[in-house]
Amino acid sequence: MSMKMPKPSPEAARLLANLCQDDARFEVKKVFGHPAAFVGGNMCFGTFGPDFFVRLASRDCESALALPGARPFEPMAGRPMKGYVVLPATVLNNPTQTRHWIETAARFASSLPPKKAKKGR
């Protein structure tokens, strides 16, 4: 069974690049062919097609999912990734709200044990 992946969105990629520039905490890598930011080897936030997602602690996931238009991140239909939320356009169009969720995601990723780099990459 083949699944068609969405093409990376230039707008979402630009937003991610702007959020990561001049911030040494974030390392940008490709996930599913799309840019994502990592802290200590742990994915923090990223893009998937036009979507922009954040990784959050469960209590913060509940708050994020309560935002109108927010939804669980499902790179494969019917298989949501636990702890990941797609932020709605209303948040992404508001720099203060976007920064709040990015900082919340960065705090959570920083609280996780650092992941070691994979050998042979």
Protein backbone atom coordinates (compact mmCIF):
# COMPACT_ATOMS: atom_id res chain seq x y z
CA MET A 1 0.00 0.00 0.00
CA SER A 2 1.59 3.28 -1.03
CA MET A 3 0.72 6.54 0.62
CA LYS A 4 1.04 9.91 -1.06
CA MET A 5 3.01 12.34 1.10
CA PRO A 6 2.16 16.03 0.82
CA LYS A 7 4.75 18.29 -0.76
CA PRO A 8 6.58 20.62 1.64
CA SER A 9 4.87 24.01 1.87
CA PRO A 10 7.21 26.96 1.22
CA GLU A 11 5.18 29.11 3.67
CA ALA A 12 5.38 26.55 6.51
CA ALA A 13 9.09 25.97 5.83
CA ARG A 14 9.73 29.74 5.87
CA LEU A 15 7.92 30.10 9.22
CA LEU A 16 10.00 27.28 10.71
CA ALA A 17 13.24 28.79 9.37
CA ASN A 18 12.32 32.21 10.81
CA LEU A 19 11.52 30.71 14.22
CA CYS A 20 14.81 28.79 14.31
CA GLN A 21 17.15 31.46 12.97
CA ASP A 22 19.39 32.99 15.62
CA ASP A 23 18.25 30.39 18.20
CA ALA A 24 21.03 27.91 18.98
CA ARG A 25 18.63 25.56 20.81
CA PHE A 26 17.12 24.34 17.55
CA GLU A 27 18.66 21.92 15.07
CA VAL A 28 16.67 21.64 11.84
CA LYS A 29 16.44 18.23 10.15
CA LYS A 30 14.08 16.68 7.59
CA VAL A 31 11.30 14.37 8.83
CA PHE A 32 9.05 12.76 6.22
CA GLY A 33 10.87 15.08 3.76
CA HIS A 34 9.73 18.21 5.64
CA PRO A 35 11.73 20.53 7.94
CA ALA A 36 11.43 19.98 11.70
CA ALA A 37 13.21 21.50 14.70
CA PHE A 38 14.92 19.38 17.34
CA VAL A 39 16.17 20.19 20.85
CA GLY A 40 18.66 17.71 22.33
CA GLY A 41 17.84 15.25 19.56
CA ASN A 42 14.10 15.34 20.40
CA MET A 43 11.62 16.63 17.83
CA CYS A 44 10.07 19.86 19.06
CA PHE A 45 8.03 21.31 16.19
CA GLY A 46 7.83 20.93 12.46
CA THR A 47 5.96 21.09 9.20
CA PHE A 48 4.05 18.54 7.14
CA GLY A 49 2.71 19.94 3.89
CA PRO A 50 0.93 23.14 4.87
CA ASP A 51 0.58 22.00 8.51
CA PHE A 52 2.70 23.29 11.37
CA PHE A 53 2.83 21.01 14.42
CA VAL A 54 4.24 21.21 17.94
CA ARG A 55 5.19 18.47 20.39
CA LEU A 56 3.74 19.07 23.83
CA ALA A 57 3.33 17.56 27.28
CA SER A 58 -0.13 16.00 27.72
CA ARG A 59 -1.52 18.90 29.77
CA ASP A 60 -0.40 21.37 27.08
CA CYS A 61 -1.82 19.13 24.33
CA GLU A 62 -5.25 19.47 25.93
CA SER A 63 -4.94 23.29 25.89
CA ALA A 64 -3.69 23.34 22.31
CA LEU A 65 -6.42 20.98 21.08
CA ALA A 66 -9.01 23.31 22.65
CA LEU A 67 -7.97 26.03 20.18
CA PRO A 68 -10.51 26.39 17.33
CA GLY A 69 -9.08 24.60 14.29
CA ALA A 70 -6.33 22.71 16.14
CA ARG A 71 -6.17 18.95 15.64
CA PRO A 72 -3.97 15.95 16.42
CA PHE A 73 -1.02 15.52 14.03
CA GLU A 74 -1.67 12.51 11.77
CA PRO A 75 1.04 12.00 9.14
CA MET A 76 -0.85 8.81 8.23
CA ALA A 77 -4.65 9.01 8.26
CA GLY A 78 -6.11 7.37 11.35
CA ARG A 79 -2.72 7.16 13.10
CA PRO A 80 -2.24 10.29 15.24
CA MET A 81 1.17 10.85 16.83
CA LYS A 82 0.70 11.07 20.61
CA GLY A 83 1.73 14.45 21.99
CA TYR A 84 1.73 16.29 18.66
CA VAL A 85 -0.79 19.00 17.72
CA VAL A 86 -1.30 20.86 14.42
CA LEU A 87 -1.67 24.56 15.20
CA PRO A 88 -4.52 26.44 13.48
CA ALA A 89 -3.88 29.36 11.09
CA THR A 90 -5.29 31.78 13.69
CA VAL A 91 -2.33 30.95 15.95
CA LEU A 92 0.24 30.94 13.12
CA ASN A 93 -0.96 34.37 11.94
CA ASN A 94 -0.33 35.78 15.44
CA PRO A 95 3.43 35.99 16.20
CA THR A 96 2.85 36.23 19.98
CA GLN A 97 0.69 33.09 20.05
CA THR A 98 3.06 31.24 17.70
CA ARG A 99 6.03 32.10 19.94
CA HIS A 100 4.08 30.93 23.03
CA TRP A 101 3.49 27.47 21.52
CA ILE A 102 7.05 27.20 20.17
CA GLU A 103 8.46 28.04 23.62
CA THR A 104 6.07 25.55 25.26
CA ALA A 105 7.23 22.87 22.80
CA ALA A 106 10.90 23.78 23.33
CA ARG A 107 10.48 23.53 27.12
CA PHE A 108 8.94 20.08 26.77
CA ALA A 109 11.59 18.80 24.33
CA SER A 110 14.31 20.17 26.66
CA SER A 111 12.81 18.21 29.56
CA LEU A 112 13.23 14.89 27.72
CA PRO A 113 16.43 12.84 27.96
CA PRO A 114 18.79 13.85 25.11
CA LYS A 115 18.89 11.38 22.23
CA LYS A 116 22.22 10.15 20.99
CA ALA A 117 23.05 10.72 17.32
CA LYS A 118 22.43 7.64 15.17
CA LYS A 119 25.58 5.96 13.87
CA GLY A 120 26.23 5.87 10.15
CA ARG A 121 24.23 8.96 9.25
